[in-house]
Amino acid sequence: MDDHELYALIGEDGFTRLIAAFYRQVPGDDILGPMYPPEDMAGAEQRLRDFLIGRFGGPPRYIEQRGHPRLRMRHAPFPIDLAGRDRWLTLMGRALDEARLPPPAEALLRDFFAGVATMMINRRG
């Protein structure tokens, strides 16, 4: 499956279910929770959802509102080490399980998230 076919397959609803399932886990998580200001949780959820929708063939709302993603720069203030990366992938894996997306979509997203999460590491530890 081509990256840009993903939005056509799961649509806005698929991304909404996935990202909502992820962010329901974040506030109570001992590693990720402190990285997310509670007053901006809805904003963080919207930004990730909009980024993924645009990245995978949907409307480019993220770029229209925020410009180029510059993921490493935007995440630089947050200490992301291997444990943080692994926890993010664990929570996103649970979200993928809960969202029950079609297998080709799930496989594509698991691969994408693993690569991006590794790229976000900015601290040793």
PDB file of N, CA and C in Angstrom:
ATOM      1  N   MET A   1       0.842  -1.176   0.000  1.00  0.00           N
ATOM      2  CA  MET A   1       0.000   0.000   0.000  1.00  0.00           C
ATOM      3  C   MET A   1       0.888   1.241   0.000  1.00  0.00           C
ATOM      4  N   ASP A   2       0.531   2.187  -0.834  1.00  0.00           N
ATOM      5  CA  ASP A   2       1.223   3.472  -0.902  1.00  0.00           C
ATOM      6  C   ASP A   2       0.789   4.329   0.291  1.00  0.00           C
ATOM      7  N   ASP A   3       1.725   5.116   0.833  1.00  0.00           N
ATOM      8  CA  ASP A   3       1.421   5.979   1.981  1.00  0.00           C
ATOM      9  C   ASP A   3       0.172   6.819   1.768  1.00  0.00           C
ATOM     10  N   HIS A   4       0.038   7.380   0.579  1.00  0.00           N
ATOM     11  CA  HIS A   4      -1.066   8.305   0.328  1.00  0.00           C
ATOM     12  C   HIS A   4      -2.404   7.604   0.088  1.00  0.00           C
ATOM     13  N   GLU A   5      -2.398   6.283   0.046  1.00  0.00           N
ATOM     14  CA  GLU A   5      -3.647   5.527  -0.061  1.00  0.00           C
ATOM     15  C   GLU A   5      -4.262   5.271   1.316  1.00  0.00           C
ATOM     16  N   LEU A   6      -3.488   5.519   2.363  1.00  0.00           N
ATOM     17  CA  LEU A   6      -3.962   5.209   3.713  1.00  0.00           C
ATOM     18  C   LEU A   6      -5.192   6.028   4.094  1.00  0.00           C
ATOM     19  N   TYR A   7      -5.170   7.318   3.801  1.00  0.00           N
ATOM     20  CA  TYR A   7      -6.325   8.153   4.143  1.00  0.00           C
ATOM     21  C   TYR A   7      -7.579   7.661   3.423  1.00  0.00           C
ATOM     22  N   ALA A   8      -7.433   7.266   2.178  1.00  0.00           N
ATOM     23  CA  ALA A   8      -8.583   6.754   1.430  1.00  0.00           C
ATOM     24  C   ALA A   8      -9.130   5.478   2.076  1.00  0.00           C
ATOM     25  N   LEU A   9      -8.256   4.698   2.687  1.00  0.00           N
ATOM     26  CA  LEU A   9      -8.664   3.430   3.294  1.00  0.00           C
ATOM     27  C   LEU A   9      -9.338   3.623   4.658  1.00  0.00           C
ATOM     28  N   ILE A  10      -8.756   4.467   5.535  1.00  0.00           N
ATOM     29  CA  ILE A  10      -9.301   4.574   6.896  1.00  0.00           C
ATOM     30  C   ILE A  10     -10.030   5.886   7.163  1.00  0.00           C
ATOM     31  N   GLY A  11      -9.784   6.894   6.340  1.00  0.00           N
ATOM     32  CA  GLY A  11     -10.481   8.166   6.462  1.00  0.00           C
ATOM     33  C   GLY A  11     -10.224   8.910   7.758  1.00  0.00           C
ATOM     34  N   GLU A  12     -10.932  10.005   7.885  1.00  0.00           N
ATOM     35  CA  GLU A  12     -10.837  10.855   9.072  1.00  0.00           C
ATOM     36  C   GLU A  12     -11.182  10.061  10.329  1.00  0.00           C
ATOM     37  N   ASP A  13     -12.206   9.226  10.232  1.00  0.00           N
ATOM     38  CA  ASP A  13     -12.654   8.451  11.387  1.00  0.00           C
ATOM     39  C   ASP A  13     -11.567   7.513  11.912  1.00  0.00           C
ATOM     40  N   GLY A  14     -10.856   6.851  11.018  1.00  0.00           N
ATOM     41  CA  GLY A  14      -9.797   5.939  11.449  1.00  0.00           C
ATOM     42  C   GLY A  14      -8.704   6.667  12.210  1.00  0.00           C
ATOM     43  N   PHE A  15      -8.275   7.796  11.692  1.00  0.00           N
ATOM     44  CA  PHE A  15      -7.241   8.573  12.379  1.00  0.00           C
ATOM     45  C   PHE A  15      -7.765   9.134  13.703  1.00  0.00           C
ATOM     46  N   THR A  16      -9.009   9.563  13.719  1.00  0.00           N
ATOM     47  CA  THR A  16      -9.596  10.110  14.942  1.00  0.00           C
ATOM     48  C   THR A  16      -9.652   9.047  16.034  1.00  0.00           C
ATOM     49  N   ARG A  17     -10.104   7.854  15.695  1.00  0.00           N
ATOM     50  CA  ARG A  17     -10.172   6.758  16.674  1.00  0.00           C
ATOM     51  C   ARG A  17      -8.787   6.389  17.189  1.00  0.00           C
ATOM     52  N   LEU A  18      -7.816   6.303  16.279  1.00  0.00           N
ATOM     53  CA  LEU A  18      -6.459   5.929  16.658  1.00  0.00           C
ATOM     54  C   LEU A  18      -5.842   6.945  17.616  1.00  0.00           C
ATOM     55  N   ILE A  19      -5.895   8.196  17.255  1.00  0.00           N
ATOM     56  CA  ILE A  19      -5.226   9.222  18.053  1.00  0.00           C
ATOM     57  C   ILE A  19      -5.956   9.439  19.378  1.00  0.00           C
ATOM     58  N   ALA A  20      -7.271   9.339  19.390  1.00  0.00           N
ATOM     59  CA  ALA A  20      -8.016   9.429  20.656  1.00  0.00           C
ATOM     60  C   ALA A  20      -7.614   8.278  21.580  1.00  0.00           C
ATOM     61  N   ALA A  21      -7.479   7.074  21.035  1.00  0.00           N
ATOM     62  CA  ALA A  21      -7.068   5.919  21.845  1.00  0.00           C
ATOM     63  C   ALA A  21      -5.666   6.119  22.413  1.00  0.00           C
ATOM     64  N   PHE A  22      -4.780   6.729  21.653  1.00  0.00           N
ATOM     65  CA  PHE A  22      -3.429   7.010  22.147  1.00  0.00           C
ATOM     66  C   PHE A  22      -3.477   8.020  23.296  1.00  0.00           C
ATOM     67  N   TYR A  23      -4.144   9.141  23.068  1.00  0.00           N
ATOM     68  CA  TYR A  23      -4.129  10.221  24.064  1.00  0.00           C
ATOM     69  C   TYR A  23      -4.918   9.894  25.327  1.00  0.00           C
ATOM     70  N   ARG A  24      -5.826   8.945  25.291  1.00  0.00           N
ATOM     71  CA  ARG A  24      -6.499   8.510  26.524  1.00  0.00           C
ATOM     72  C   ARG A  24      -5.502   7.881  27.495  1.00  0.00           C
ATOM     73  N   GLN A  25      -4.403   7.346  26.982  1.00  0.00           N
ATOM     74  CA  GLN A  25      -3.409   6.671  27.813  1.00  0.00           C
ATOM     75  C   GLN A  25      -2.352   7.611  28.379  1.00  0.00           C
ATOM     76  N   VAL A  26      -2.141   8.728  27.726  1.00  0.00           N
ATOM     77  CA  VAL A  26      -1.009   9.596  28.045  1.00  0.00           C
ATOM     78  C   VAL A  26      -1.055  10.216  29.443  1.00  0.00           C
ATOM     79  N   PRO A  27      -2.163  10.825  29.871  1.00  0.00           N
ATOM     80  CA  PRO A  27      -2.138  11.529  31.161  1.00  0.00           C
ATOM     81  C   PRO A  27      -1.683  10.672  32.337  1.00  0.00           C
ATOM     82  N   GLY A  28      -2.044   9.401  32.370  1.00  0.00           N
ATOM     83  CA  GLY A  28      -1.673   8.533  33.483  1.00  0.00           C
ATOM     84  C   GLY A  28      -0.344   7.826  33.320  1.00  0.00           C
ATOM     85  N   ASP A  29       0.357   8.087  32.233  1.00  0.00           N
ATOM     86  CA  ASP A  29       1.619   7.395  31.991  1.00  0.00           C
ATOM     87  C   ASP A  29       2.760   8.108  32.701  1.00  0.00           C
ATOM     88  N   ASP A  30       3.585   7.351  33.422  1.00  0.00           N
ATOM     89  CA  ASP A  30       4.659   7.957  34.216  1.00  0.00           C
ATOM     90  C   ASP A  30       5.795   8.532  33.374  1.00  0.00           C
ATOM     91  N   ILE A  31       5.978   8.070  32.165  1.00  0.00           N
ATOM     92  CA  ILE A  31       7.047   8.606  31.304  1.00  0.00           C
ATOM     93  C   ILE A  31       6.506   9.697  30.391  1.00  0.00           C
ATOM     94  N   LEU A  32       5.434   9.410  29.676  1.00  0.00           N
ATOM     95  CA  LEU A  32       4.924  10.369  28.696  1.00  0.00           C
ATOM     96  C   LEU A  32       4.048  11.458  29.304  1.00  0.00           C
ATOM     97  N   GLY A  33       3.280  11.128  30.316  1.00  0.00           N
ATOM     98  CA  GLY A  33       2.371  12.093  30.918  1.00  0.00           C
ATOM     99  C   GLY A  33       3.023  13.430  31.248  1.00  0.00           C
ATOM    100  N   PRO A  34       4.183  13.431  31.915  1.00  0.00           N
ATOM    101  CA  PRO A  34       4.822  14.709  32.265  1.00  0.00           C
ATOM    102  C   PRO A  34       5.275  15.544  31.064  1.00  0.00           C
ATOM    103  N   MET A  35       5.401  14.932  29.903  1.00  0.00           N
ATOM    104  CA  MET A  35       5.837  15.679  28.719  1.00  0.00           C
ATOM    105  C   MET A  35       4.697  16.477  28.080  1.00  0.00           C
ATOM    106  N   TYR A  36       3.463  16.155  28.442  1.00  0.00           N
ATOM    107  CA  TYR A  36       2.295  16.779  27.830  1.00  0.00           C
ATOM    108  C   TYR A  36       1.618  17.701  28.842  1.00  0.00           C
ATOM    109  N   PRO A  37       1.641  19.008  28.615  1.00  0.00           N
ATOM    110  CA  PRO A  37       0.926  19.910  29.523  1.00  0.00           C
ATOM    111  C   PRO A  37      -0.567  19.577  29.517  1.00  0.00           C
ATOM    112  N   PRO A  38      -1.164  19.349  30.690  1.00  0.00           N
ATOM    113  CA  PRO A  38      -2.585  18.955  30.736  1.00  0.00           C
ATOM    114  C   PRO A  38      -3.505  19.944  30.022  1.00  0.00           C
ATOM    115  N   GLU A  39      -3.170  21.216  30.074  1.00  0.00           N
ATOM    116  CA  GLU A  39      -4.031  22.217  29.448  1.00  0.00           C
ATOM    117  C   GLU A  39      -3.932  22.213  27.920  1.00  0.00           C
ATOM    118  N   ASP A  40      -2.970  21.475  27.375  1.00  0.00           N
ATOM    119  CA  ASP A  40      -2.808  21.424  25.917  1.00  0.00           C
ATOM    120  C   ASP A  40      -3.027  20.017  25.362  1.00  0.00           C
ATOM    121  N   MET A  41      -3.602  19.118  26.157  1.00  0.00           N
ATOM    122  CA  MET A  41      -3.786  17.738  25.695  1.00  0.00           C
ATOM    123  C   MET A  41      -4.662  17.691  24.443  1.00  0.00           C
ATOM    124  N   ALA A  42      -5.749  18.454  24.425  1.00  0.00           N
ATOM    125  CA  ALA A  42      -6.622  18.464  23.238  1.00  0.00           C
ATOM    126  C   ALA A  42      -5.880  19.028  22.035  1.00  0.00           C
ATOM    127  N   GLY A  43      -5.053  20.042  22.246  1.00  0.00           N
ATOM    128  CA  GLY A  43      -4.264  20.613  21.156  1.00  0.00           C
ATOM    129  C   GLY A  43      -3.247  19.626  20.623  1.00  0.00           C
ATOM    130  N   ALA A  44      -2.586  18.909  21.527  1.00  0.00           N
ATOM    131  CA  ALA A  44      -1.609  17.901  21.101  1.00  0.00           C
ATOM    132  C   ALA A  44      -2.296  16.813  20.281  1.00  0.00           C
ATOM    133  N   GLU A  45      -3.464  16.397  20.739  1.00  0.00           N
ATOM    134  CA  GLU A  45      -4.215  15.367  20.017  1.00  0.00           C
ATOM    135  C   GLU A  45      -4.590  15.858  18.617  1.00  0.00           C
ATOM    136  N   GLN A  46      -5.064  17.079  18.524  1.00  0.00           N
ATOM    137  CA  GLN A  46      -5.448  17.626  17.223  1.00  0.00           C
ATOM    138  C   GLN A  46      -4.235  17.744  16.300  1.00  0.00           C
ATOM    139  N   ARG A  47      -3.107  18.206  16.825  1.00  0.00           N
ATOM    140  CA  ARG A  47      -1.918  18.375  15.985  1.00  0.00           C
ATOM    141  C   ARG A  47      -1.428  17.048  15.429  1.00  0.00           C
ATOM    142  N   LEU A  48      -1.377  16.002  16.271  1.00  0.00           N
ATOM    143  CA  LEU A  48      -0.927  14.702  15.775  1.00  0.00           C
ATOM    144  C   LEU A  48      -1.912  14.151  14.752  1.00  0.00           C
ATOM    145  N   ARG A  49      -3.193  14.256  15.047  1.00  0.00           N
ATOM    146  CA  ARG A  49      -4.207  13.770  14.106  1.00  0.00           C
ATOM    147  C   ARG A  49      -4.096  14.499  12.759  1.00  0.00           C
ATOM    148  N   ASP A  50      -4.009  15.824  12.808  1.00  0.00           N
ATOM    149  CA  ASP A  50      -3.913  16.599  11.567  1.00  0.00           C
ATOM    150  C   ASP A  50      -2.622  16.291  10.812  1.00  0.00           C
ATOM    151  N   PHE A  51      -1.527  16.119  11.546  1.00  0.00           N
ATOM    152  CA  PHE A  51      -0.261  15.774  10.897  1.00  0.00           C
ATOM    153  C   PHE A  51      -0.393  14.448  10.156  1.00  0.00           C
ATOM    154  N   LEU A  52      -0.906  13.431  10.837  1.00  0.00           N
ATOM    155  CA  LEU A  52      -1.019  12.111  10.210  1.00  0.00           C
ATOM    156  C   LEU A  52      -1.984  12.118   9.035  1.00  0.00           C
ATOM    157  N   ILE A  53      -3.098  12.802   9.166  1.00  0.00           N
ATOM    158  CA  ILE A  53      -4.060  12.884   8.064  1.00  0.00           C
ATOM    159  C   ILE A  53      -3.390  13.491   6.834  1.00  0.00           C
ATOM    160  N   GLY A  54      -2.685  14.586   7.002  1.00  0.00           N
ATOM    161  CA  GLY A  54      -1.998  15.219   5.875  1.00  0.00           C
ATOM    162  C   GLY A  54      -0.877  14.372   5.321  1.00  0.00           C
ATOM    163  N   ARG A  55      -0.143  13.725   6.204  1.00  0.00           N
ATOM    164  CA  ARG A  55       1.005  12.903   5.798  1.00  0.00           C
ATOM    165  C   ARG A  55       0.575  11.705   4.953  1.00  0.00           C
ATOM    166  N   PHE A  56      -0.639  11.206   5.240  1.00  0.00           N
ATOM    167  CA  PHE A  56      -1.087   9.994   4.572  1.00  0.00           C
ATOM    168  C   PHE A  56      -2.216  10.219   3.574  1.00  0.00           C
ATOM    169  N   GLY A  57      -2.270  11.410   2.975  1.00  0.00           N
ATOM    170  CA  GLY A  57      -3.139  11.628   1.833  1.00  0.00           C
ATOM    171  C   GLY A  57      -4.407  12.415   2.063  1.00  0.00           C
ATOM    172  N   GLY A  58      -4.644  12.866   3.281  1.00  0.00           N
ATOM    173  CA  GLY A  58      -5.841  13.650   3.564  1.00  0.00           C
ATOM    174  C   GLY A  58      -5.574  15.139   3.455  1.00  0.00           C
ATOM    175  N   PRO A  59      -6.530  15.946   3.886  1.00  0.00           N
ATOM    176  CA  PRO A  59      -6.371  17.405   3.823  1.00  0.00           C
ATOM    177  C   PRO A  59      -5.130  17.870   4.587  1.00  0.00           C
ATOM    178  N   PRO A  60      -4.388  18.821   4.042  1.00  0.00           N
ATOM    179  CA  PRO A  60      -3.126  19.273   4.662  1.00  0.00           C
ATOM    180  C   PRO A  60      -3.326  20.327   5.754  1.00  0.00           C
ATOM    181  N   ARG A  61      -4.241  20.077   6.680  1.00  0.00           N
ATOM    182  CA  ARG A  61      -4.540  21.066   7.726  1.00  0.00           C
ATOM    183  C   ARG A  61      -3.317  21.414   8.573  1.00  0.00           C
ATOM    184  N   TYR A  62      -2.522  20.402   8.916  1.00  0.00           N
ATOM    185  CA  TYR A  62      -1.365  20.665   9.770  1.00  0.00           C
ATOM    186  C   TYR A  62      -0.434  21.685   9.121  1.00  0.00           C
ATOM    187  N   ILE A  63      -0.089  21.455   7.869  1.00  0.00           N
ATOM    188  CA  ILE A  63       0.832  22.351   7.164  1.00  0.00           C
ATOM    189  C   ILE A  63       0.197  23.721   6.966  1.00  0.00           C
ATOM    190  N   GLU A  64      -1.089  23.754   6.674  1.00  0.00           N
ATOM    191  CA  GLU A  64      -1.766  25.042   6.505  1.00  0.00           C
ATOM    192  C   GLU A  64      -1.736  25.868   7.792  1.00  0.00           C
ATOM    193  N   GLN A  65      -1.855  25.215   8.928  1.00  0.00           N
ATOM    194  CA  GLN A  65      -1.915  25.932  10.205  1.00  0.00           C
ATOM    195  C   GLN A  65      -0.552  26.141  10.849  1.00  0.00           C
ATOM    196  N   ARG A  66       0.370  25.191  10.662  1.00  0.00           N
ATOM    197  CA  ARG A  66       1.634  25.237  11.406  1.00  0.00           C
ATOM    198  C   ARG A  66       2.887  25.250  10.525  1.00  0.00           C
ATOM    199  N   GLY A  67       2.718  25.084   9.231  1.00  0.00           N
ATOM    200  CA  GLY A  67       3.880  25.052   8.351  1.00  0.00           C
ATOM    201  C   GLY A  67       4.522  23.673   8.334  1.00  0.00           C
ATOM    202  N   HIS A  68       5.753  23.618   7.872  1.00  0.00           N
ATOM    203  CA  HIS A  68       6.484  22.351   7.782  1.00  0.00           C
ATOM    204  C   HIS A  68       6.531  21.688   9.155  1.00  0.00           C
ATOM    205  N   PRO A  69       6.353  20.372   9.215  1.00  0.00           N
ATOM    206  CA  PRO A  69       6.313  19.695  10.512  1.00  0.00           C
ATOM    207  C   PRO A  69       7.569  19.885  11.384  1.00  0.00           C
ATOM    208  N   ARG A  70       8.756  19.885  10.794  1.00  0.00           N
ATOM    209  CA  ARG A  70      10.003  20.033  11.565  1.00  0.00           C
ATOM    210  C   ARG A  70       9.925  19.255  12.884  1.00  0.00           C
ATOM    211  N   LEU A  71       9.674  17.971  12.762  1.00  0.00           N
ATOM    212  CA  LEU A  71       9.398  17.148  13.934  1.00  0.00           C
ATOM    213  C   LEU A  71      10.518  17.170  14.975  1.00  0.00           C
ATOM    214  N   ARG A  72      11.757  17.011  14.537  1.00  0.00           N
ATOM    215  CA  ARG A  72      12.854  17.000  15.523  1.00  0.00           C
ATOM    216  C   ARG A  72      12.953  18.338  16.237  1.00  0.00           C
ATOM    217  N   MET A  73      12.828  19.436  15.521  1.00  0.00           N
ATOM    218  CA  MET A  73      12.920  20.748  16.145  1.00  0.00           C
ATOM    219  C   MET A  73      11.771  20.956  17.142  1.00  0.00           C
ATOM    220  N   ARG A  74      10.568  20.596  16.751  1.00  0.00           N
ATOM    221  CA  ARG A  74       9.406  20.799  17.624  1.00  0.00           C
ATOM    222  C   ARG A  74       9.469  19.921  18.880  1.00  0.00           C
ATOM    223  N   HIS A  75      10.150  18.793  18.796  1.00  0.00           N
ATOM    224  CA  HIS A  75      10.249  17.896  19.945  1.00  0.00           C
ATOM    225  C   HIS A  75      11.529  18.102  20.755  1.00  0.00           C
ATOM    226  N   ALA A  76      12.412  18.974  20.311  1.00  0.00           N
ATOM    227  CA  ALA A  76      13.693  19.189  20.993  1.00  0.00           C
ATOM    228  C   ALA A  76      13.559  19.567  22.473  1.00  0.00           C
ATOM    229  N   PRO A  77      12.545  20.358  22.866  1.00  0.00           N
ATOM    230  CA  PRO A  77      12.435  20.716  24.283  1.00  0.00           C
ATOM    231  C   PRO A  77      12.101  19.534  25.201  1.00  0.00           C
ATOM    232  N   PHE A  78      11.662  18.438  24.635  1.00  0.00           N
ATOM    233  CA  PHE A  78      11.243  17.291  25.442  1.00  0.00           C
ATOM    234  C   PHE A  78      12.352  16.246  25.471  1.00  0.00           C
ATOM    235  N   PRO A  79      12.737  15.786  26.659  1.00  0.00           N
ATOM    236  CA  PRO A  79      13.801  14.778  26.745  1.00  0.00           C
ATOM    237  C   PRO A  79      13.290  13.412  26.305  1.00  0.00           C
ATOM    238  N   ILE A  80      13.653  13.034  25.098  1.00  0.00           N
ATOM    239  CA  ILE A  80      13.191  11.757  24.548  1.00  0.00           C
ATOM    240  C   ILE A  80      14.387  10.816  24.470  1.00  0.00           C
ATOM    241  N   ASP A  81      14.366   9.815  25.334  1.00  0.00           N
ATOM    242  CA  ASP A  81      15.416   8.805  25.316  1.00  0.00           C
ATOM    243  C   ASP A  81      14.815   7.483  24.827  1.00  0.00           C
ATOM    244  N   LEU A  82      15.595   6.427  24.890  1.00  0.00           N
ATOM    245  CA  LEU A  82      15.119   5.132  24.397  1.00  0.00           C
ATOM    246  C   LEU A  82      13.877   4.668  25.165  1.00  0.00           C
ATOM    247  N   ALA A  83      13.850   4.902  26.478  1.00  0.00           N
ATOM    248  CA  ALA A  83      12.685   4.503  27.275  1.00  0.00           C
ATOM    249  C   ALA A  83      11.444   5.286  26.842  1.00  0.00           C
ATOM    250  N   GLY A  84      11.601   6.582  26.555  1.00  0.00           N
ATOM    251  CA  GLY A  84      10.485   7.389  26.076  1.00  0.00           C
ATOM    252  C   GLY A  84       9.992   6.917  24.727  1.00  0.00           C
ATOM    253  N   ARG A  85      10.933   6.620  23.853  1.00  0.00           N
ATOM    254  CA  ARG A  85      10.571   6.099  22.533  1.00  0.00           C
ATOM    255  C   ARG A  85       9.798   4.795  22.672  1.00  0.00           C
ATOM    256  N   ASP A  86      10.328   3.901  23.483  1.00  0.00           N
ATOM    257  CA  ASP A  86       9.686   2.597  23.650  1.00  0.00           C
ATOM    258  C   ASP A  86       8.292   2.733  24.251  1.00  0.00           C
ATOM    259  N   ARG A  87       8.137   3.633  25.229  1.00  0.00           N
ATOM    260  CA  ARG A  87       6.825   3.810  25.848  1.00  0.00           C
ATOM    261  C   ARG A  87       5.838   4.400  24.847  1.00  0.00           C
ATOM    262  N   TRP A  88       6.307   5.376  24.051  1.00  0.00           N
ATOM    263  CA  TRP A  88       5.429   5.973  23.033  1.00  0.00           C
ATOM    264  C   TRP A  88       4.936   4.889  22.085  1.00  0.00           C
ATOM    265  N   LEU A  89       5.855   4.021  21.659  1.00  0.00           N
ATOM    266  CA  LEU A  89       5.471   2.942  20.745  1.00  0.00           C
ATOM    267  C   LEU A  89       4.536   1.941  21.417  1.00  0.00           C
ATOM    268  N   THR A  90       4.729   1.685  22.700  1.00  0.00           N
ATOM    269  CA  THR A  90       3.832   0.780  23.418  1.00  0.00           C
ATOM    270  C   THR A  90       2.414   1.346  23.457  1.00  0.00           C
ATOM    271  N   LEU A  91       2.297   2.630  23.841  1.00  0.00           N
ATOM    272  CA  LEU A  91       0.968   3.239  23.902  1.00  0.00           C
ATOM    273  C   LEU A  91       0.328   3.327  22.522  1.00  0.00           C
ATOM    274  N   MET A  92       1.133   3.652  21.508  1.00  0.00           N
ATOM    275  CA  MET A  92       0.575   3.725  20.159  1.00  0.00           C
ATOM    276  C   MET A  92       0.203   2.327  19.668  1.00  0.00           C
ATOM    277  N   GLY A  93       0.971   1.324  20.048  1.00  0.00           N
ATOM    278  CA  GLY A  93       0.621  -0.053  19.688  1.00  0.00           C
ATOM    279  C   GLY A  93      -0.719  -0.457  20.283  1.00  0.00           C
ATOM    280  N   ARG A  94      -0.946  -0.087  21.549  1.00  0.00           N
ATOM    281  CA  ARG A  94      -2.240  -0.362  22.183  1.00  0.00           C
ATOM    282  C   ARG A  94      -3.359   0.393  21.469  1.00  0.00           C
ATOM    283  N   ALA A  95      -3.070   1.631  21.079  1.00  0.00           N
ATOM    284  CA  ALA A  95      -4.066   2.422  20.352  1.00  0.00           C
ATOM    285  C   ALA A  95      -4.399   1.775  19.011  1.00  0.00           C
ATOM    286  N   LEU A  96      -3.384   1.273  18.332  1.00  0.00           N
ATOM    287  CA  LEU A  96      -3.625   0.581  17.063  1.00  0.00           C
ATOM    288  C   LEU A  96      -4.481  -0.662  17.288  1.00  0.00           C
ATOM    289  N   ASP A  97      -4.190  -1.397  18.353  1.00  0.00           N
ATOM    290  CA  ASP A  97      -5.002  -2.575  18.664  1.00  0.00           C
ATOM    291  C   ASP A  97      -6.452  -2.173  18.894  1.00  0.00           C
ATOM    292  N   GLU A  98      -6.663  -1.100  19.657  1.00  0.00           N
ATOM    293  CA  GLU A  98      -8.016  -0.648  19.980  1.00  0.00           C
ATOM    294  C   GLU A  98      -8.753  -0.117  18.751  1.00  0.00           C
ATOM    295  N   ALA A  99      -8.038   0.600  17.880  1.00  0.00           N
ATOM    296  CA  ALA A  99      -8.676   1.220  16.714  1.00  0.00           C
ATOM    297  C   ALA A  99      -9.143   0.199  15.680  1.00  0.00           C
ATOM    298  N   ARG A 100      -8.546  -0.983  15.690  1.00  0.00           N
ATOM    299  CA  ARG A 100      -8.943  -2.057  14.765  1.00  0.00           C
ATOM    300  C   ARG A 100      -9.005  -1.594  13.309  1.00  0.00           C
ATOM    301  N   LEU A 101      -7.908  -1.034  12.857  1.00  0.00           N
ATOM    302  CA  LEU A 101      -7.809  -0.600  11.464  1.00  0.00           C
ATOM    303  C   LEU A 101      -7.576  -1.815  10.577  1.00  0.00           C
ATOM    304  N   PRO A 102      -7.843  -1.705   9.285  1.00  0.00           N
ATOM    305  CA  PRO A 102      -7.554  -2.823   8.384  1.00  0.00           C
ATOM    306  C   PRO A 102      -6.075  -3.205   8.470  1.00  0.00           C
ATOM    307  N   PRO A 103      -5.754  -4.500   8.381  1.00  0.00           N
ATOM    308  CA  PRO A 103      -4.367  -4.952   8.542  1.00  0.00           C
ATOM    309  C   PRO A 103      -3.328  -4.198   7.701  1.00  0.00           C
ATOM    310  N   PRO A 104      -3.604  -3.873   6.417  1.00  0.00           N
ATOM    311  CA  PRO A 104      -2.570  -3.141   5.671  1.00  0.00           C
ATOM    312  C   PRO A 104      -2.302  -1.748   6.273  1.00  0.00           C
ATOM    313  N   ALA A 105      -3.344  -1.102   6.761  1.00  0.00           N
ATOM    314  CA  ALA A 105      -3.191   0.225   7.377  1.00  0.00           C
ATOM    315  C   ALA A 105      -2.407   0.113   8.672  1.00  0.00           C
ATOM    316  N   GLU A 106      -2.746  -0.872   9.481  1.00  0.00           N
ATOM    317  CA  GLU A 106      -2.051  -1.062  10.749  1.00  0.00           C
ATOM    318  C   GLU A 106      -0.566  -1.343  10.526  1.00  0.00           C
ATOM    319  N   ALA A 107      -0.254  -2.203   9.585  1.00  0.00           N
ATOM    320  CA  ALA A 107       1.152  -2.541   9.314  1.00  0.00           C
ATOM    321  C   ALA A 107       1.928  -1.309   8.850  1.00  0.00           C
ATOM    322  N   LEU A 108       1.334  -0.536   7.954  1.00  0.00           N
ATOM    323  CA  LEU A 108       2.001   0.666   7.461  1.00  0.00           C
ATOM    324  C   LEU A 108       2.257   1.648   8.605  1.00  0.00           C
ATOM    325  N   LEU A 109       1.258   1.849   9.467  1.00  0.00           N
ATOM    326  CA  LEU A 109       1.413   2.792  10.573  1.00  0.00           C
ATOM    327  C   LEU A 109       2.414   2.297  11.612  1.00  0.00           C
ATOM    328  N   ARG A 110       2.421   1.017  11.910  1.00  0.00           N
ATOM    329  CA  ARG A 110       3.413   0.492  12.871  1.00  0.00           C
ATOM    330  C   ARG A 110       4.834   0.750  12.365  1.00  0.00           C
ATOM    331  N   ASP A 111       5.075   0.506  11.091  1.00  0.00           N
ATOM    332  CA  ASP A 111       6.405   0.756  10.520  1.00  0.00           C
ATOM    333  C   ASP A 111       6.737   2.246  10.559  1.00  0.00           C
ATOM    334  N   PHE A 112       5.792   3.083  10.174  1.00  0.00           N
ATOM    335  CA  PHE A 112       6.008   4.519  10.172  1.00  0.00           C
ATOM    336  C   PHE A 112       6.317   5.021  11.576  1.00  0.00           C
ATOM    337  N   PHE A 113       5.503   4.624  12.554  1.00  0.00           N
ATOM    338  CA  PHE A 113       5.700   5.090  13.928  1.00  0.00           C
ATOM    339  C   PHE A 113       7.044   4.630  14.489  1.00  0.00           C
ATOM    340  N   ALA A 114       7.454   3.416  14.187  1.00  0.00           N
ATOM    341  CA  ALA A 114       8.744   2.925  14.691  1.00  0.00           C
ATOM    342  C   ALA A 114       9.889   3.782  14.160  1.00  0.00           C
ATOM    343  N   GLY A 115       9.851   4.098  12.883  1.00  0.00           N
ATOM    344  CA  GLY A 115      10.913   4.916  12.299  1.00  0.00           C
ATOM    345  C   GLY A 115      10.933   6.328  12.837  1.00  0.00           C
ATOM    346  N   VAL A 116       9.768   6.949  12.934  1.00  0.00           N
ATOM    347  CA  VAL A 116       9.704   8.331  13.412  1.00  0.00           C
ATOM    348  C   VAL A 116      10.057   8.399  14.894  1.00  0.00           C
ATOM    349  N   ALA A 117       9.574   7.458  15.690  1.00  0.00           N
ATOM    350  CA  ALA A 117       9.867   7.477  17.124  1.00  0.00           C
ATOM    351  C   ALA A 117      11.370   7.358  17.363  1.00  0.00           C
ATOM    352  N   THR A 118      12.036   6.530  16.596  1.00  0.00           N
ATOM    353  CA  THR A 118      13.490   6.392  16.732  1.00  0.00           C
ATOM    354  C   THR A 118      14.185   7.690  16.334  1.00  0.00           C
ATOM    355  N   MET A 119      13.695   8.342  15.305  1.00  0.00           N
ATOM    356  CA  MET A 119      14.277   9.604  14.860  1.00  0.00           C
ATOM    357  C   MET A 119      14.130  10.694  15.921  1.00  0.00           C
ATOM    358  N   MET A 120      13.126  10.601  16.775  1.00  0.00           N
ATOM    359  CA  MET A 120      12.860  11.638  17.782  1.00  0.00           C
ATOM    360  C   MET A 120      13.791  11.553  18.988  1.00  0.00           C
ATOM    361  N   ILE A 121      14.521  10.446  19.158  1.00  0.00           N
ATOM    362  CA  ILE A 121      15.421  10.332  20.311  1.00  0.00           C
ATOM    363  C   ILE A 121      16.433  11.473  20.282  1.00  0.00           C
ATOM    364  N   ASN A 122      16.481  12.195  21.403  1.00  0.00           N
ATOM    365  CA  ASN A 122      17.397  13.337  21.491  1.00  0.00           C
ATOM    366  C   ASN A 122      18.207  13.353  22.787  1.00  0.00           C
ATOM    367  N   ARG A 123      18.106  12.288  23.560  1.00  0.00           N
ATOM    368  CA  ARG A 123      18.859  12.172  24.807  1.00  0.00           C
ATOM    369  C   ARG A 123      19.363  10.747  24.962  1.00  0.00           C
ATOM    370  N   ARG A 124      20.488  10.606  25.611  1.00  0.00           N
ATOM    371  CA  ARG A 124      20.972   9.268  25.953  1.00  0.00           C
ATOM    372  C   ARG A 124      20.390   8.883  27.297  1.00  0.00           C
ATOM    373  N   GLY A 125      20.274   7.619  27.497  1.00  0.00           N
ATOM    374  CA  GLY A 125      19.797   7.217  28.818  1.00  0.00           C
ATOM    375  C   GLY A 125      19.011   5.948  28.794  1.00  0.00           C
TER     376      GLY A 125
END
